[in-house]
Amino acid sequence: MAELLRIEEPEGARAPPQWKAFLEMGFRPLYLAGCFWAAISVALWVFAPGWLGGTLAGVTWHAHEMLWAFVATIAVGFLLTAGSNWTGINPLKGRALGLLGVLWVLARVGFLLPGQGAFRLAACCELLFFAWAAAALGRAIYGARSQRNYGVPLLVLALGAADALYLRAAWLGDHALLMQRFDTGLLCMAVIALLVARRVIPFFAMRAVPGLSIPMHTRSGHWQLGAGGLAIGFGLLGQMPAMAAALALAGAIALWQVMAWKPWAVRRAPLLWVLYLGYAALGAGLLAAAAHAAGWVLRAAWPVHVIGVAGLSVLIIGMVTRTALGHLGRPLRADRTLVACYLLVIAAAALRLLALLPTGLALGALHASAGAWVLAFALYLWRFFPMMIRPRVDAANSPAAIKSGLRLRATK
């Protein structure tokens, strides 16, 4: 009887770490890298700013690293993984994926070191990172003729192009141009997030909540994507009233979309409500950006932090947990550690916005926000690092393993 009741742990859960497993799909190294750097970069910026001695220094370094080294890196990891699902072709794996990670590391180190040579090397590595990722996605998507996703590699290229423009402005020391380029990159990232989230959130919700039906609203998605693209174009041309109108339309569609997804139905599912909350905050951030472009909100820091921290970062902590669990063959449940991660990122966002108010609480709120942020991503790494460096727990029953076994039996 004792033998009948013994439950063995899945093979992948007790397997030793493997480089092959770690470099199997894009989300494994890039989720870990992005979340690690989210914690380290904020800790440096808030608690040890004197260590930032590179050409990119102070707020210039902070803005760049949060957008392109954290948010965009997570986005690239997600898209490389999603591209495999969309096309049946894994865009990057093994040594090629490892080299992409090396480029990312060299860029991070180079931007911290003093000297023009280090800056140039870092810039080259980072731009090659985005170009390589876009090319890999393009090879998979265009090769499989996945017409619905033809724009995805172009969006990654646009993100890299905005990065190049930002780095050039930093090199020239043009602060006004620098902020415009940063806004361009932030809006490119917001458009990618809007595009991806409106696809995956309804899918995740309908799989998790029995009987829940959510229409895709394809036409409103096209309007939203078009409005986001126009906002970027008008911003580059300096047409602020037109940019404000486009941003307002994209943000309003996002908020309407959240309500159409029936948020009350997912209130007991942390893996879902965190995504709903992040998407709603992203919509609110676009409305704040519209108000700034129209001259109603004077401080650019408000829309930047609503979009970047309350919107994109809350979406990210939801995505890097939910998608990692799914691709690692783990149960799609949020335990207390994951819920703590969500609540800490939400608290960090709220405290960061509080720190923007002209009160005596600003400095304390900033430090508390940074502490909650670092703890959130440290918990994520503690929870997921052991899983990311090992095979899926159901590796023996994965489609690839089954096909391999069939080929082996056929040759006997």
Protein backbone atom coordinates (compact mmCIF):
# COMPACT_ATOMS: atom_id res chain seq x y z
CA MET A 1 0.00 0.00 0.00
CA ALA A 2 2.84 2.41 0.86
CA GLU A 3 4.36 1.80 -2.56
CA LEU A 4 1.04 2.48 -4.28
CA LEU A 5 0.67 5.83 -2.51
CA ARG A 6 4.24 7.04 -3.24
CA ILE A 7 4.21 9.91 -5.72
CA GLU A 8 7.46 10.49 -7.61
CA GLU A 9 8.63 13.95 -8.57
CA PRO A 10 8.65 14.56 -12.33
CA GLU A 11 11.99 13.78 -13.95
CA GLY A 12 12.67 17.38 -15.01
CA ALA A 13 12.15 18.72 -11.49
CA ARG A 14 15.17 16.83 -10.08
CA ALA A 15 17.33 16.88 -13.21
CA PRO A 16 20.73 18.60 -12.91
CA PRO A 17 21.25 22.03 -14.53
CA GLN A 18 21.91 21.84 -18.27
CA TRP A 19 23.26 24.44 -20.69
CA LYS A 20 21.11 22.84 -23.38
CA ALA A 21 17.97 23.41 -21.32
CA PHE A 22 19.00 26.95 -20.37
CA LEU A 23 19.52 27.91 -24.02
CA GLU A 24 16.51 26.00 -25.31
CA MET A 25 14.22 29.02 -25.79
CA GLY A 26 14.60 32.79 -25.63
CA PHE A 27 12.59 33.34 -22.46
CA ARG A 28 15.01 31.37 -20.27
CA PRO A 29 18.17 33.53 -20.42
CA LEU A 30 16.45 36.80 -21.31
CA TYR A 31 13.79 36.73 -18.58
CA LEU A 32 16.50 36.04 -16.01
CA ALA A 33 18.81 38.69 -17.45
CA GLY A 34 16.11 41.35 -17.65
CA CYS A 35 14.78 40.71 -14.14
CA PHE A 36 18.28 40.57 -12.66
CA TRP A 37 19.13 43.89 -14.25
CA ALA A 38 15.82 45.42 -13.15
CA ALA A 39 16.86 44.83 -9.53
CA ILE A 40 20.54 45.78 -9.92
CA SER A 41 20.02 48.91 -12.02
CA VAL A 42 17.40 50.41 -9.70
CA ALA A 43 19.56 49.64 -6.66
CA LEU A 44 22.50 51.40 -8.32
CA TRP A 45 20.44 54.39 -9.44
CA VAL A 46 18.78 55.02 -6.06
CA PHE A 47 21.31 53.79 -3.51
CA ALA A 48 24.71 54.07 -5.25
CA PRO A 49 24.51 56.66 -8.04
CA GLY A 50 28.20 57.49 -7.58
CA TRP A 51 29.08 54.19 -9.22
CA LEU A 52 27.60 55.32 -12.53
CA GLY A 53 30.71 56.73 -14.18
CA GLY A 54 30.14 55.90 -17.84
CA THR A 55 29.32 58.21 -20.74
CA LEU A 56 25.69 57.43 -19.97
CA ALA A 57 25.46 58.83 -16.44
CA GLY A 58 22.76 59.81 -13.99
CA VAL A 59 19.19 59.93 -15.23
CA THR A 60 20.37 59.33 -18.81
CA TRP A 61 21.74 55.92 -17.81
CA HIS A 62 18.73 55.13 -15.61
CA ALA A 63 16.20 55.90 -18.36
CA HIS A 64 18.14 53.93 -20.94
CA GLU A 65 18.69 50.85 -18.82
CA MET A 66 15.10 50.65 -17.59
CA LEU A 67 13.66 50.86 -21.09
CA TRP A 68 16.10 49.00 -23.30
CA ALA A 69 17.99 46.76 -20.86
CA PHE A 70 14.97 45.70 -18.79
CA VAL A 71 11.62 46.22 -20.53
CA ALA A 72 12.81 45.66 -24.10
CA THR A 73 14.94 42.66 -23.12
CA ILE A 74 11.91 40.95 -21.56
CA ALA A 75 9.91 41.79 -24.70
CA VAL A 76 12.55 40.21 -26.94
CA GLY A 77 12.61 37.08 -24.77
CA PHE A 78 8.83 36.83 -24.97
CA LEU A 79 8.69 37.39 -28.73
CA LEU A 80 11.43 34.84 -29.47
CA THR A 81 9.44 32.30 -27.45
CA ALA A 82 6.05 33.28 -28.87
CA GLY A 83 7.54 33.19 -32.36
CA SER A 84 8.17 29.50 -31.89
CA ASN A 85 4.49 28.96 -31.05
CA TRP A 86 3.29 31.12 -33.94
CA THR A 87 5.43 29.47 -36.61
CA GLY A 88 6.60 26.07 -35.33
CA ILE A 89 10.17 27.34 -35.81
CA ASN A 90 12.36 28.23 -32.83
CA PRO A 91 13.95 31.56 -33.88
CA LEU A 92 17.03 31.26 -31.62
CA LYS A 93 18.45 28.50 -29.47
CA GLY A 94 21.74 27.00 -28.39
CA ARG A 95 24.92 28.87 -29.25
CA ALA A 96 23.12 31.54 -31.27
CA LEU A 97 20.93 32.37 -28.27
CA GLY A 98 23.98 32.27 -26.01
CA LEU A 99 25.80 34.78 -28.23
CA LEU A 100 22.77 37.05 -28.10
CA GLY A 101 23.06 36.93 -24.32
CA VAL A 102 26.79 37.73 -24.50
CA LEU A 103 26.01 40.85 -26.54
CA TRP A 104 23.54 41.92 -23.86
CA VAL A 105 26.10 41.43 -21.08
CA LEU A 106 28.81 43.34 -22.94
CA ALA A 107 26.42 46.25 -23.45
CA ARG A 108 25.57 46.39 -19.74
CA VAL A 109 29.22 46.38 -18.69
CA GLY A 110 30.26 48.86 -21.38
CA PHE A 111 27.68 51.45 -20.39
CA LEU A 112 28.93 51.34 -16.79
CA LEU A 113 32.62 51.80 -17.66
CA PRO A 114 34.16 55.24 -18.26
CA GLY A 115 35.60 56.22 -21.62
CA GLN A 116 34.38 56.67 -25.17
CA GLY A 117 35.70 53.27 -26.24
CA ALA A 118 33.53 51.45 -23.70
CA PHE A 119 30.49 53.47 -24.78
CA ARG A 120 31.06 52.69 -28.47
CA LEU A 121 31.52 48.98 -27.79
CA ALA A 122 28.39 48.89 -25.62
CA ALA A 123 26.35 50.74 -28.24
CA CYS A 124 27.48 48.39 -31.02
CA CYS A 125 26.70 45.30 -28.94
CA GLU A 126 23.27 46.57 -27.96
CA LEU A 127 22.23 47.58 -31.46
CA LEU A 128 23.46 44.24 -32.78
CA PHE A 129 21.36 42.57 -30.05
CA PHE A 130 18.15 44.11 -31.41
CA ALA A 131 19.13 43.61 -35.06
CA TRP A 132 19.97 39.95 -34.45
CA ALA A 133 16.71 39.34 -32.56
CA ALA A 134 14.68 41.03 -35.31
CA ALA A 135 16.46 39.01 -38.01
CA ALA A 136 15.84 35.74 -36.15
CA LEU A 137 12.16 36.58 -35.73
CA GLY A 138 11.93 37.61 -39.37
CA ARG A 139 13.51 34.36 -40.55
CA ALA A 140 10.98 32.32 -38.58
CA ILE A 141 7.89 34.45 -39.28
CA TYR A 142 8.51 35.18 -42.95
CA GLY A 143 9.80 31.64 -43.55
CA ALA A 144 6.59 30.19 -42.14
CA ARG A 145 4.52 32.84 -43.96
CA SER A 146 2.82 33.80 -40.72
CA GLN A 147 1.19 36.85 -42.25
CA ARG A 148 -0.56 37.89 -39.04
CA ASN A 149 2.87 38.45 -37.45
CA TYR A 150 4.72 40.13 -40.32
CA GLY A 151 4.92 43.40 -38.39
CA VAL A 152 6.58 41.91 -35.28
CA PRO A 153 10.21 41.89 -36.57
CA LEU A 154 9.70 45.47 -37.80
CA LEU A 155 8.56 46.57 -34.34
CA VAL A 156 11.71 45.06 -32.80
CA LEU A 157 13.78 46.88 -35.42
CA ALA A 158 11.95 50.11 -34.56
CA LEU A 159 12.79 49.57 -30.90
CA GLY A 160 16.46 49.16 -31.83
CA ALA A 161 16.33 52.22 -34.11
CA ALA A 162 14.90 54.31 -31.27
CA ASP A 163 17.74 53.05 -29.08
CA ALA A 164 20.28 54.12 -31.72
CA LEU A 165 18.74 57.59 -31.88
CA TYR A 166 18.80 57.86 -28.08
CA LEU A 167 22.44 56.82 -27.85
CA ARG A 168 23.41 59.28 -30.60
CA ALA A 169 21.64 62.10 -28.75
CA ALA A 170 23.47 61.10 -25.55
CA TRP A 171 26.77 61.14 -27.43
CA LEU A 172 26.03 64.65 -28.75
CA GLY A 173 24.95 65.84 -25.30
CA ASP A 174 21.63 67.17 -26.64
CA HIS A 175 19.25 66.82 -23.66
CA ALA A 176 16.10 67.99 -25.46
CA LEU A 177 16.69 65.59 -28.34
CA LEU A 178 17.54 62.86 -25.84
CA MET A 179 14.14 63.12 -24.15
CA GLN A 180 12.35 63.08 -27.50
CA ARG A 181 14.21 59.90 -28.50
CA PHE A 182 13.41 58.31 -25.17
CA ASP A 183 9.71 59.09 -25.64
CA THR A 184 9.92 57.48 -29.09
CA GLY A 185 11.40 54.31 -27.64
CA LEU A 186 8.87 54.22 -24.81
CA LEU A 187 5.97 54.55 -27.24
CA CYS A 188 7.44 51.84 -29.50
CA MET A 189 7.56 49.56 -26.48
CA ALA A 190 4.01 50.52 -25.49
CA VAL A 191 2.74 49.66 -28.98
CA ILE A 192 4.45 46.25 -28.81
CA ALA A 193 2.90 45.65 -25.37
CA LEU A 194 -0.56 46.66 -26.59
CA LEU A 195 -0.26 44.35 -29.59
CA VAL A 196 0.97 41.35 -27.62
CA ALA A 197 -1.21 41.75 -24.53
CA ARG A 198 -4.50 42.07 -26.40
CA ARG A 199 -3.71 38.71 -28.01
CA VAL A 200 -2.53 36.71 -25.04
CA ILE A 201 -4.62 38.08 -22.16
CA PRO A 202 -8.00 36.92 -23.55
CA PHE A 203 -6.44 33.56 -24.46
CA PHE A 204 -5.03 33.10 -20.95
CA ALA A 205 -8.31 34.18 -19.36
CA MET A 206 -10.55 31.87 -21.40
CA ARG A 207 -8.27 28.92 -20.66
CA ALA A 208 -8.25 29.60 -16.93
CA VAL A 209 -11.87 30.59 -16.26
CA PRO A 210 -14.46 27.95 -17.27
CA GLY A 211 -17.24 29.35 -19.43
CA LEU A 212 -15.59 32.73 -19.94
CA SER A 213 -15.97 34.01 -23.51
CA ILE A 214 -14.09 37.09 -24.70
CA PRO A 215 -14.34 38.35 -28.29
CA MET A 216 -11.06 39.31 -29.92
CA HIS A 217 -12.19 42.80 -31.06
CA THR A 218 -9.83 42.71 -34.03
CA ARG A 219 -11.05 45.99 -35.54
CA SER A 220 -10.45 48.00 -32.37
CA GLY A 221 -7.00 46.43 -32.24
CA HIS A 222 -6.25 47.78 -35.69
CA TRP A 223 -7.41 51.24 -34.61
CA GLN A 224 -5.28 51.04 -31.51
CA LEU A 225 -2.18 49.92 -33.39
CA GLY A 226 -2.71 52.64 -36.00
CA ALA A 227 -3.16 55.29 -33.31
CA GLY A 228 0.04 54.19 -31.57
CA GLY A 229 2.00 54.30 -34.81
CA LEU A 230 0.64 57.77 -35.63
CA ALA A 231 1.55 59.00 -32.14
CA ILE A 232 5.15 57.92 -32.69
CA GLY A 233 5.27 59.59 -36.12
CA PHE A 234 3.69 62.83 -34.94
CA GLY A 235 6.08 62.92 -31.99
CA LEU A 236 9.11 62.66 -34.27
CA LEU A 237 7.70 65.47 -36.44
CA GLY A 238 6.99 67.65 -33.41
CA GLN A 239 3.24 67.76 -34.10
CA MET A 240 2.16 67.71 -30.47
CA PRO A 241 -1.63 68.32 -30.80
CA ALA A 242 -1.93 65.48 -33.32
CA MET A 243 0.27 63.29 -31.13
CA ALA A 244 -1.98 64.04 -28.13
CA ALA A 245 -5.09 63.01 -30.07
CA ALA A 246 -3.51 59.73 -31.24
CA LEU A 247 -2.29 58.90 -27.73
CA ALA A 248 -5.71 59.64 -26.26
CA LEU A 249 -7.36 57.30 -28.76
CA ALA A 250 -4.90 54.45 -28.05
CA GLY A 251 -5.28 54.88 -24.29
CA ALA A 252 -9.08 55.06 -24.38
CA ILE A 253 -9.26 51.87 -26.47
CA ALA A 254 -7.00 50.12 -23.93
CA LEU A 255 -9.27 51.05 -21.01
CA TRP A 256 -12.38 50.06 -22.95
CA GLN A 257 -10.67 46.79 -23.84
CA VAL A 258 -10.02 45.90 -20.19
CA MET A 259 -13.70 46.32 -19.38
CA ALA A 260 -14.66 44.19 -22.38
CA TRP A 261 -12.43 41.41 -21.01
CA LYS A 262 -14.80 41.05 -18.00
CA PRO A 263 -12.30 41.78 -15.21
CA TRP A 264 -14.65 40.67 -12.42
CA ALA A 265 -14.41 37.10 -13.74
CA VAL A 266 -10.66 36.91 -13.03
CA ARG A 267 -10.63 38.52 -9.57
CA ARG A 268 -9.62 35.23 -7.92
CA ALA A 269 -6.86 34.41 -10.43
CA PRO A 270 -3.65 36.34 -9.63
CA LEU A 271 -1.96 35.18 -12.84
CA LEU A 272 -4.73 37.02 -14.70
CA TRP A 273 -5.68 40.07 -12.63
CA VAL A 274 -2.07 41.26 -12.58
CA LEU A 275 -2.14 41.32 -16.40
CA TYR A 276 -5.47 43.15 -16.44
CA LEU A 277 -4.14 45.71 -13.98
CA GLY A 278 -0.95 46.29 -15.97
CA TYR A 279 -2.88 46.72 -19.22
CA ALA A 280 -5.27 49.20 -17.58
CA ALA A 281 -2.35 51.18 -16.16
CA LEU A 282 -0.72 51.23 -19.61
CA GLY A 283 -3.92 52.73 -21.02
CA ALA A 284 -3.98 55.32 -18.23
CA GLY A 285 -0.34 56.11 -18.95
CA LEU A 286 -1.11 56.79 -22.61
CA LEU A 287 -3.87 59.19 -21.53
CA ALA A 288 -1.36 60.92 -19.22
CA ALA A 289 1.07 61.14 -22.14
CA ALA A 290 -1.70 62.67 -24.25
CA ALA A 291 -2.31 65.27 -21.53
CA HIS A 292 1.41 66.08 -21.45
CA ALA A 293 1.60 66.40 -25.24
CA ALA A 294 -1.40 68.76 -25.10
CA GLY A 295 0.31 70.87 -22.45
CA TRP A 296 -2.04 69.93 -19.59
CA VAL A 297 0.58 67.96 -17.59
CA LEU A 298 3.84 69.85 -17.29
CA ARG A 299 6.11 67.15 -15.81
CA ALA A 300 7.16 64.52 -18.35
CA ALA A 301 8.04 62.19 -15.46
CA TRP A 302 4.35 61.52 -14.78
CA PRO A 303 3.40 59.80 -18.07
CA VAL A 304 6.82 58.12 -18.26
CA HIS A 305 6.41 56.45 -14.87
CA VAL A 306 2.73 55.60 -15.30
CA ILE A 307 3.51 53.90 -18.62
CA GLY A 308 6.85 52.39 -17.61
CA VAL A 309 6.38 51.37 -13.97
CA ALA A 310 2.63 51.05 -13.40
CA GLY A 311 1.91 49.76 -16.91
CA LEU A 312 4.79 47.91 -18.56
CA SER A 313 6.45 46.66 -15.37
CA VAL A 314 3.23 45.28 -13.85
CA LEU A 315 2.49 43.58 -17.18
CA ILE A 316 6.03 42.20 -17.20
CA ILE A 317 5.93 40.63 -13.74
CA GLY A 318 2.68 38.95 -14.78
CA MET A 319 4.04 37.79 -18.13
CA VAL A 320 7.39 36.47 -16.89
CA THR A 321 5.61 34.33 -14.30
CA ARG A 322 2.64 33.08 -16.32
CA THR A 323 4.52 32.34 -19.56
CA ALA A 324 7.51 30.82 -17.76
CA LEU A 325 5.29 28.44 -15.79
CA GLY A 326 3.55 27.37 -18.98
CA HIS A 327 6.72 26.78 -21.00
CA LEU A 328 8.42 25.00 -18.10
CA GLY A 329 5.54 22.53 -17.80
CA ARG A 330 4.59 23.78 -14.33
CA PRO A 331 1.07 24.15 -12.93
CA LEU A 332 -0.50 27.48 -13.84
CA ARG A 333 -1.03 28.59 -10.26
CA ALA A 334 0.30 31.61 -8.40
CA ASP A 335 1.66 30.62 -5.01
CA ARG A 336 2.32 33.07 -2.19
CA THR A 337 5.76 33.97 -3.53
CA LEU A 338 4.36 34.99 -6.90
CA VAL A 339 1.51 36.98 -5.35
CA ALA A 340 4.12 38.72 -3.18
CA CYS A 341 6.06 39.61 -6.35
CA TYR A 342 2.93 41.13 -7.87
CA LEU A 343 2.03 43.14 -4.78
CA LEU A 344 5.59 44.41 -4.38
CA VAL A 345 5.78 45.66 -7.98
CA ILE A 346 2.37 47.32 -7.61
CA ALA A 347 3.54 48.93 -4.35
CA ALA A 348 6.77 50.06 -6.03
CA ALA A 349 4.74 51.70 -8.81
CA ALA A 350 2.41 53.48 -6.37
CA LEU A 351 5.31 54.70 -4.21
CA ARG A 352 7.25 55.87 -7.28
CA LEU A 353 4.30 58.01 -8.36
CA LEU A 354 3.98 59.32 -4.81
CA ALA A 355 7.66 60.32 -4.95
CA LEU A 356 6.86 62.61 -7.89
CA LEU A 357 4.61 64.78 -5.73
CA PRO A 358 6.21 67.92 -4.25
CA THR A 359 5.91 66.81 -0.62
CA GLY A 360 8.26 65.99 2.23
CA LEU A 361 7.52 62.31 1.62
CA ALA A 362 9.18 62.26 -1.81
CA LEU A 363 12.62 60.94 -0.80
CA GLY A 364 11.25 58.34 1.60
CA ALA A 365 8.73 57.18 -1.02
CA LEU A 366 11.52 56.87 -3.61
CA HIS A 367 13.64 54.71 -1.31
CA ALA A 368 10.65 52.58 -0.31
CA SER A 369 9.72 52.15 -3.97
CA ALA A 370 13.23 51.04 -4.84
CA GLY A 371 13.30 48.60 -1.92
CA ALA A 372 9.97 47.02 -2.90
CA TRP A 373 11.10 46.83 -6.55
CA VAL A 374 14.42 45.13 -5.78
CA LEU A 375 12.76 42.65 -3.41
CA ALA A 376 10.10 41.79 -6.00
CA PHE A 377 12.60 40.85 -8.71
CA ALA A 378 14.94 39.15 -6.24
CA LEU A 379 12.00 36.92 -5.23
CA TYR A 380 11.30 36.19 -8.89
CA LEU A 381 14.89 35.16 -9.50
CA TRP A 382 14.97 33.03 -6.34
CA ARG A 383 11.79 31.26 -7.46
CA PHE A 384 12.51 30.79 -11.16
CA PHE A 385 16.29 30.55 -11.60
CA PRO A 386 16.42 26.86 -10.54
CA MET A 387 13.64 26.06 -13.02
CA MET A 388 15.12 28.00 -15.93
CA ILE A 389 18.42 26.11 -15.90
CA ARG A 390 16.75 22.68 -15.92
CA PRO A 391 14.61 20.81 -18.47
CA ARG A 392 10.83 21.05 -18.38
CA VAL A 393 9.33 18.90 -15.66
CA ASP A 394 7.39 17.04 -18.35
CA ALA A 395 10.37 16.87 -20.73
CA ALA A 396 9.96 13.13 -21.23
CA ASN A 397 6.42 13.70 -22.53
CA SER A 398 7.10 16.84 -24.55
CA PRO A 399 6.32 16.79 -28.30
CA ALA A 400 10.02 16.94 -29.17
CA ALA A 401 10.85 14.00 -26.90
CA ILE A 402 7.98 11.92 -28.28
CA LYS A 403 9.08 12.58 -31.87
CA SER A 404 12.66 11.68 -30.94
CA GLY A 405 11.50 8.45 -29.37
CA LEU A 406 9.46 7.54 -32.43
CA ARG A 407 12.47 8.14 -34.70
CA LEU A 408 14.66 6.01 -32.42
CA ARG A 409 12.20 3.10 -32.44
CA ALA A 410 11.85 3.37 -36.21
CA THR A 411 15.58 2.82 -36.69
CA LYS A 412 15.69 -0.32 -34.54
